Amino acid sequence: MGLHGNIWRPPTDVYETADAMVVRVEIAGMTEGDFTVDLDRRTLAISGRRLDRSGSKIAYQQMEVSFGEFRTEVQLPGAVDQAGVEATYRDGFLIVTLPKAGARRVPVADLTSAKKAG
């Protein structure tokens, strides 16, 4: 399940609402400060390190939970309002909400009437 060498990729969902793109990463056992969330144009990158805190084990009999460095990248299908991006961590899920960039109407100046007046 590795991405590059020892870096692994947590399960990641991407969905759209009427107002935003939402990225949900399943990554239990973390705290808010354990994540790095970067947005570069239309690429969202989430990375961090999950530590194996159970120090009293002798050997694994079965291992399905990944530890160490992780990274997931999402290519967003549209432009987002970067100033409004929010990330929250709760119940083992990191949720990044990226508001869609609204269309902006550009006013057109009428220079012909300005020339006649001057």
N, C-alpha and C. Protein backbone atom coordinates (compact mmCIF):
# COMPACT_ATOMS: atom_id res chain seq x y z
N MET A 1 0.82 -1.20 0.00
CA MET A 1 0.00 0.00 0.00
C MET A 1 0.86 1.25 0.00
N GLY A 2 2.13 1.14 -0.31
CA GLY A 2 3.04 2.27 -0.28
C GLY A 2 2.87 3.19 -1.47
N LEU A 3 3.26 4.43 -1.27
CA LEU A 3 3.22 5.42 -2.33
C LEU A 3 4.62 5.56 -2.92
N HIS A 4 5.60 5.87 -2.11
CA HIS A 4 7.01 5.94 -2.51
C HIS A 4 7.81 5.33 -1.37
N GLY A 5 8.41 4.19 -1.57
CA GLY A 5 9.20 3.57 -0.52
C GLY A 5 8.37 3.25 0.70
N ASN A 6 8.70 3.85 1.82
CA ASN A 6 8.00 3.59 3.07
C ASN A 6 6.82 4.51 3.30
N ILE A 7 6.55 5.43 2.39
CA ILE A 7 5.42 6.35 2.56
C ILE A 7 4.15 5.63 2.11
N TRP A 8 3.13 5.66 2.96
CA TRP A 8 1.88 4.99 2.64
C TRP A 8 0.76 6.00 2.44
N ARG A 9 -0.33 5.57 1.82
CA ARG A 9 -1.45 6.44 1.48
C ARG A 9 -2.70 5.99 2.24
N PRO A 10 -3.24 6.87 3.10
CA PRO A 10 -4.46 6.50 3.84
C PRO A 10 -5.67 6.54 2.93
N PRO A 11 -6.74 5.82 3.30
CA PRO A 11 -7.98 5.86 2.51
C PRO A 11 -8.51 7.29 2.43
N THR A 12 -8.84 7.73 1.23
CA THR A 12 -9.22 9.12 1.00
C THR A 12 -10.47 9.17 0.12
N ASP A 13 -11.48 9.93 0.57
CA ASP A 13 -12.69 10.18 -0.22
C ASP A 13 -12.68 11.63 -0.67
N VAL A 14 -13.17 11.87 -1.88
CA VAL A 14 -13.34 13.24 -2.37
C VAL A 14 -14.76 13.32 -2.89
N TYR A 15 -15.51 14.31 -2.38
CA TYR A 15 -16.87 14.49 -2.88
C TYR A 15 -17.20 15.97 -2.97
N GLU A 16 -18.27 16.24 -3.69
CA GLU A 16 -18.66 17.61 -3.97
C GLU A 16 -20.03 17.89 -3.36
N THR A 17 -20.18 19.07 -2.77
CA THR A 17 -21.48 19.55 -2.33
C THR A 17 -21.84 20.72 -3.24
N ALA A 18 -22.97 21.36 -2.99
CA ALA A 18 -23.36 22.50 -3.80
C ALA A 18 -22.37 23.64 -3.69
N ASP A 19 -21.71 23.78 -2.52
CA ASP A 19 -20.84 24.93 -2.27
C ASP A 19 -19.35 24.61 -2.17
N ALA A 20 -19.00 23.33 -2.08
CA ALA A 20 -17.59 23.02 -1.78
C ALA A 20 -17.18 21.66 -2.32
N MET A 21 -15.86 21.49 -2.38
CA MET A 21 -15.25 20.17 -2.57
C MET A 21 -14.83 19.73 -1.17
N VAL A 22 -15.01 18.46 -0.85
CA VAL A 22 -14.68 17.96 0.47
C VAL A 22 -13.74 16.76 0.31
N VAL A 23 -12.64 16.78 1.05
CA VAL A 23 -11.69 15.67 1.06
C VAL A 23 -11.70 15.10 2.47
N ARG A 24 -11.96 13.79 2.57
CA ARG A 24 -12.05 13.12 3.87
C ARG A 24 -11.01 12.00 3.90
N VAL A 25 -10.10 12.08 4.88
CA VAL A 25 -9.02 11.11 5.01
C VAL A 25 -9.22 10.34 6.30
N GLU A 26 -9.26 9.00 6.20
CA GLU A 26 -9.40 8.16 7.38
C GLU A 26 -8.01 7.90 7.94
N ILE A 27 -7.75 8.48 9.13
CA ILE A 27 -6.41 8.38 9.71
C ILE A 27 -6.52 8.50 11.23
N ALA A 28 -6.83 7.40 11.88
CA ALA A 28 -7.02 7.39 13.33
C ALA A 28 -5.70 7.51 14.07
N GLY A 29 -5.79 7.92 15.34
CA GLY A 29 -4.62 7.96 16.21
C GLY A 29 -3.73 9.17 16.04
N MET A 30 -4.28 10.24 15.50
CA MET A 30 -3.50 11.45 15.24
C MET A 30 -4.04 12.60 16.09
N THR A 31 -3.34 13.72 16.07
CA THR A 31 -3.84 14.96 16.64
C THR A 31 -3.79 16.03 15.54
N GLU A 32 -4.42 17.15 15.79
CA GLU A 32 -4.49 18.20 14.78
C GLU A 32 -3.12 18.64 14.29
N GLY A 33 -2.14 18.68 15.18
CA GLY A 33 -0.80 19.14 14.82
C GLY A 33 0.04 18.14 14.06
N ASP A 34 -0.46 16.91 13.87
CA ASP A 34 0.30 15.87 13.19
C ASP A 34 0.20 15.94 11.67
N PHE A 35 -0.65 16.84 11.16
CA PHE A 35 -0.90 16.91 9.72
C PHE A 35 -0.27 18.14 9.10
N THR A 36 0.11 18.00 7.84
CA THR A 36 0.48 19.14 7.00
C THR A 36 -0.49 19.12 5.83
N VAL A 37 -1.17 20.24 5.61
CA VAL A 37 -2.13 20.34 4.51
C VAL A 37 -1.67 21.48 3.62
N ASP A 38 -1.37 21.16 2.36
CA ASP A 38 -0.88 22.14 1.39
C ASP A 38 -1.82 22.19 0.20
N LEU A 39 -2.12 23.39 -0.25
CA LEU A 39 -2.94 23.59 -1.44
C LEU A 39 -2.13 24.42 -2.42
N ASP A 40 -1.86 23.84 -3.60
CA ASP A 40 -1.12 24.53 -4.65
C ASP A 40 -1.97 24.46 -5.91
N ARG A 41 -2.58 25.57 -6.23
CA ARG A 41 -3.52 25.67 -7.36
C ARG A 41 -4.64 24.66 -7.18
N ARG A 42 -4.64 23.58 -7.94
CA ARG A 42 -5.72 22.61 -7.86
C ARG A 42 -5.24 21.26 -7.31
N THR A 43 -4.12 21.27 -6.59
CA THR A 43 -3.61 20.05 -5.98
C THR A 43 -3.59 20.21 -4.46
N LEU A 44 -4.30 19.34 -3.78
CA LEU A 44 -4.32 19.31 -2.32
C LEU A 44 -3.44 18.16 -1.88
N ALA A 45 -2.45 18.43 -1.03
CA ALA A 45 -1.56 17.39 -0.51
C ALA A 45 -1.69 17.37 1.00
N ILE A 46 -1.89 16.18 1.54
CA ILE A 46 -2.00 15.98 2.98
C ILE A 46 -0.93 14.97 3.37
N SER A 47 -0.11 15.34 4.37
CA SER A 47 0.95 14.44 4.78
C SER A 47 1.14 14.50 6.29
N GLY A 48 1.92 13.58 6.80
CA GLY A 48 2.21 13.53 8.23
C GLY A 48 2.91 12.24 8.58
N ARG A 49 2.91 11.96 9.87
CA ARG A 49 3.53 10.73 10.37
C ARG A 49 2.67 10.19 11.49
N ARG A 50 2.28 8.92 11.38
CA ARG A 50 1.55 8.26 12.46
C ARG A 50 2.52 7.33 13.17
N LEU A 51 2.63 7.54 14.48
CA LEU A 51 3.55 6.74 15.29
C LEU A 51 2.85 5.53 15.88
N ASP A 52 3.58 4.45 16.01
CA ASP A 52 3.09 3.25 16.69
C ASP A 52 3.40 3.43 18.16
N ARG A 53 2.40 3.78 18.95
CA ARG A 53 2.59 4.13 20.35
C ARG A 53 2.50 2.93 21.31
N SER A 54 2.27 1.74 20.78
CA SER A 54 2.19 0.57 21.67
C SER A 54 3.58 -0.03 21.83
N GLY A 55 4.30 0.45 22.82
CA GLY A 55 5.70 0.09 23.01
C GLY A 55 5.94 -1.26 23.65
N SER A 56 4.92 -1.94 24.18
CA SER A 56 5.15 -3.18 24.93
C SER A 56 5.02 -4.43 24.07
N LYS A 57 4.82 -4.30 22.78
CA LYS A 57 4.65 -5.50 21.94
C LYS A 57 6.00 -6.19 21.70
N ILE A 58 5.94 -7.48 21.52
CA ILE A 58 7.14 -8.26 21.23
C ILE A 58 7.28 -8.46 19.73
N ALA A 59 6.19 -8.89 19.08
CA ALA A 59 6.19 -9.13 17.64
C ALA A 59 4.76 -9.03 17.13
N TYR A 60 4.61 -8.63 15.90
CA TYR A 60 3.28 -8.59 15.28
C TYR A 60 2.88 -10.00 14.86
N GLN A 61 1.65 -10.38 15.15
CA GLN A 61 1.07 -11.62 14.66
C GLN A 61 0.29 -11.34 13.37
N GLN A 62 -0.24 -10.13 13.30
CA GLN A 62 -0.95 -9.64 12.10
C GLN A 62 -0.79 -8.14 12.09
N MET A 63 -0.50 -7.55 10.91
CA MET A 63 -0.32 -6.11 10.84
C MET A 63 -1.07 -5.56 9.63
N GLU A 64 -2.12 -4.80 9.89
CA GLU A 64 -2.89 -4.17 8.83
C GLU A 64 -2.96 -2.67 8.98
N VAL A 65 -2.56 -2.15 10.13
CA VAL A 65 -2.57 -0.71 10.39
C VAL A 65 -1.19 -0.17 10.05
N SER A 66 -1.16 0.82 9.16
CA SER A 66 0.12 1.39 8.72
C SER A 66 0.59 2.48 9.66
N PHE A 67 1.90 2.53 9.86
CA PHE A 67 2.52 3.56 10.68
C PHE A 67 3.64 4.19 9.87
N GLY A 68 4.13 5.32 10.35
CA GLY A 68 5.20 6.02 9.67
C GLY A 68 4.66 7.16 8.83
N GLU A 69 5.46 7.58 7.86
CA GLU A 69 5.08 8.72 7.02
C GLU A 69 3.97 8.34 6.04
N PHE A 70 3.03 9.27 5.86
CA PHE A 70 1.96 9.07 4.89
C PHE A 70 1.80 10.33 4.06
N ARG A 71 1.18 10.15 2.90
CA ARG A 71 0.91 11.27 2.01
C ARG A 71 -0.22 10.87 1.06
N THR A 72 -1.13 11.79 0.86
CA THR A 72 -2.16 11.61 -0.15
C THR A 72 -2.31 12.92 -0.92
N GLU A 73 -2.50 12.81 -2.22
CA GLU A 73 -2.68 13.99 -3.07
C GLU A 73 -3.97 13.85 -3.83
N VAL A 74 -4.66 14.99 -3.96
CA VAL A 74 -5.94 15.02 -4.67
C VAL A 74 -5.88 16.12 -5.71
N GLN A 75 -6.22 15.78 -6.94
CA GLN A 75 -6.35 16.78 -8.00
C GLN A 75 -7.79 17.27 -7.97
N LEU A 76 -7.99 18.53 -7.69
CA LEU A 76 -9.33 19.09 -7.58
C LEU A 76 -9.88 19.38 -8.98
N PRO A 77 -11.16 19.09 -9.21
CA PRO A 77 -11.73 19.27 -10.54
C PRO A 77 -12.03 20.71 -10.92
N GLY A 78 -11.98 21.62 -9.96
CA GLY A 78 -12.29 23.01 -10.25
C GLY A 78 -11.57 23.95 -9.31
N ALA A 79 -11.70 25.24 -9.59
CA ALA A 79 -11.05 26.25 -8.75
C ALA A 79 -11.75 26.35 -7.40
N VAL A 80 -10.96 26.66 -6.37
CA VAL A 80 -11.51 26.81 -5.02
C VAL A 80 -11.10 28.17 -4.46
N ASP A 81 -11.87 28.62 -3.48
CA ASP A 81 -11.57 29.86 -2.76
C ASP A 81 -10.54 29.53 -1.69
N GLN A 82 -9.26 29.78 -1.97
CA GLN A 82 -8.19 29.36 -1.07
C GLN A 82 -8.30 30.00 0.31
N ALA A 83 -8.82 31.21 0.38
CA ALA A 83 -8.95 31.90 1.67
C ALA A 83 -9.98 31.23 2.58
N GLY A 84 -10.92 30.48 2.02
CA GLY A 84 -11.98 29.87 2.81
C GLY A 84 -11.77 28.41 3.16
N VAL A 85 -10.61 27.84 2.84
CA VAL A 85 -10.34 26.42 3.09
C VAL A 85 -10.26 26.16 4.59
N GLU A 86 -10.92 25.09 5.04
CA GLU A 86 -10.91 24.71 6.46
C GLU A 86 -10.57 23.24 6.59
N ALA A 87 -9.81 22.89 7.64
CA ALA A 87 -9.48 21.50 7.94
C ALA A 87 -9.84 21.21 9.38
N THR A 88 -10.52 20.09 9.61
CA THR A 88 -10.88 19.67 10.96
C THR A 88 -10.54 18.19 11.12
N TYR A 89 -10.21 17.81 12.35
CA TYR A 89 -9.90 16.41 12.65
C TYR A 89 -10.81 15.96 13.77
N ARG A 90 -11.56 14.89 13.51
CA ARG A 90 -12.51 14.40 14.52
C ARG A 90 -12.81 12.92 14.26
N ASP A 91 -12.84 12.15 15.31
CA ASP A 91 -13.21 10.73 15.25
C ASP A 91 -12.41 9.94 14.22
N GLY A 92 -11.12 10.27 14.08
CA GLY A 92 -10.26 9.52 13.17
C GLY A 92 -10.31 9.96 11.72
N PHE A 93 -11.01 11.06 11.43
CA PHE A 93 -11.11 11.56 10.06
C PHE A 93 -10.60 13.00 10.00
N LEU A 94 -9.74 13.26 9.02
CA LEU A 94 -9.35 14.62 8.69
C LEU A 94 -10.26 15.04 7.54
N ILE A 95 -10.97 16.14 7.74
CA ILE A 95 -11.89 16.62 6.72
C ILE A 95 -11.46 18.01 6.29
N VAL A 96 -11.16 18.14 4.99
CA VAL A 96 -10.75 19.42 4.42
C VAL A 96 -11.89 19.90 3.53
N THR A 97 -12.44 21.07 3.85
CA THR A 97 -13.53 21.65 3.07
C THR A 97 -12.96 22.80 2.26
N LEU A 98 -13.15 22.73 0.94
CA LEU A 98 -12.60 23.71 0.01
C LEU A 98 -13.76 24.38 -0.72
N PRO A 99 -14.14 25.59 -0.30
CA PRO A 99 -15.26 26.27 -0.96
C PRO A 99 -14.97 26.49 -2.44
N LYS A 100 -15.98 26.29 -3.25
CA LYS A 100 -15.81 26.52 -4.69
C LYS A 100 -15.62 28.01 -4.94
N ALA A 101 -14.76 28.32 -5.89
CA ALA A 101 -14.55 29.72 -6.27
C ALA A 101 -15.77 30.17 -7.05
N GLY A 102 -16.34 31.28 -6.62
CA GLY A 102 -17.53 31.79 -7.29
C GLY A 102 -17.16 32.52 -8.58
N ALA A 103 -18.08 32.48 -9.49
CA ALA A 103 -17.89 33.24 -10.73
C ALA A 103 -17.94 34.72 -10.39
N ARG A 104 -17.15 35.49 -11.08
CA ARG A 104 -17.09 36.91 -10.81
C ARG A 104 -17.43 37.66 -12.09
N ARG A 105 -18.38 38.57 -11.99
CA ARG A 105 -18.76 39.36 -13.14
C ARG A 105 -17.84 40.57 -13.22
N VAL A 106 -17.27 40.79 -14.39
CA VAL A 106 -16.36 41.91 -14.61
C VAL A 106 -17.13 43.02 -15.32
N PRO A 107 -17.20 44.21 -14.69
CA PRO A 107 -17.93 45.30 -15.33
C PRO A 107 -17.17 45.82 -16.56
N VAL A 108 -17.92 46.22 -17.56
CA VAL A 108 -17.34 46.77 -18.78
C VAL A 108 -17.59 48.26 -18.78
N ALA A 109 -16.53 49.03 -18.89
CA ALA A 109 -16.65 50.48 -18.91
C ALA A 109 -17.00 50.96 -20.30
N ASP A 110 -17.84 51.94 -20.39
CA ASP A 110 -18.23 52.51 -21.67
C ASP A 110 -17.35 53.72 -21.93
N LEU A 111 -16.31 53.54 -22.68
CA LEU A 111 -15.36 54.61 -22.94
C LEU A 111 -15.88 55.58 -24.00
N THR A 112 -16.86 55.21 -24.79
CA THR A 112 -17.35 56.12 -25.82
C THR A 112 -18.05 57.31 -25.20
N SER A 113 -18.84 57.12 -24.13
CA SER A 113 -19.53 58.24 -23.51
C SER A 113 -18.53 59.12 -22.75
N ALA A 114 -17.45 58.53 -22.24
CA ALA A 114 -16.44 59.31 -21.52
C ALA A 114 -15.68 60.21 -22.49
N LYS A 115 -15.44 59.74 -23.72
CA LYS A 115 -14.72 60.53 -24.72
C LYS A 115 -15.57 61.71 -25.19
N LYS A 116 -16.89 61.49 -25.34
CA LYS A 116 -17.79 62.55 -25.81
C LYS A 116 -17.90 63.65 -24.76
N ALA A 117 -17.88 63.28 -23.49
CA ALA A 117 -18.03 64.26 -22.41
C ALA A 117 -16.76 65.10 -22.26
N GLY A 118 -15.62 64.58 -22.66
CA GLY A 118 -14.33 65.26 -22.42
C GLY A 118 -13.89 66.03 -23.57
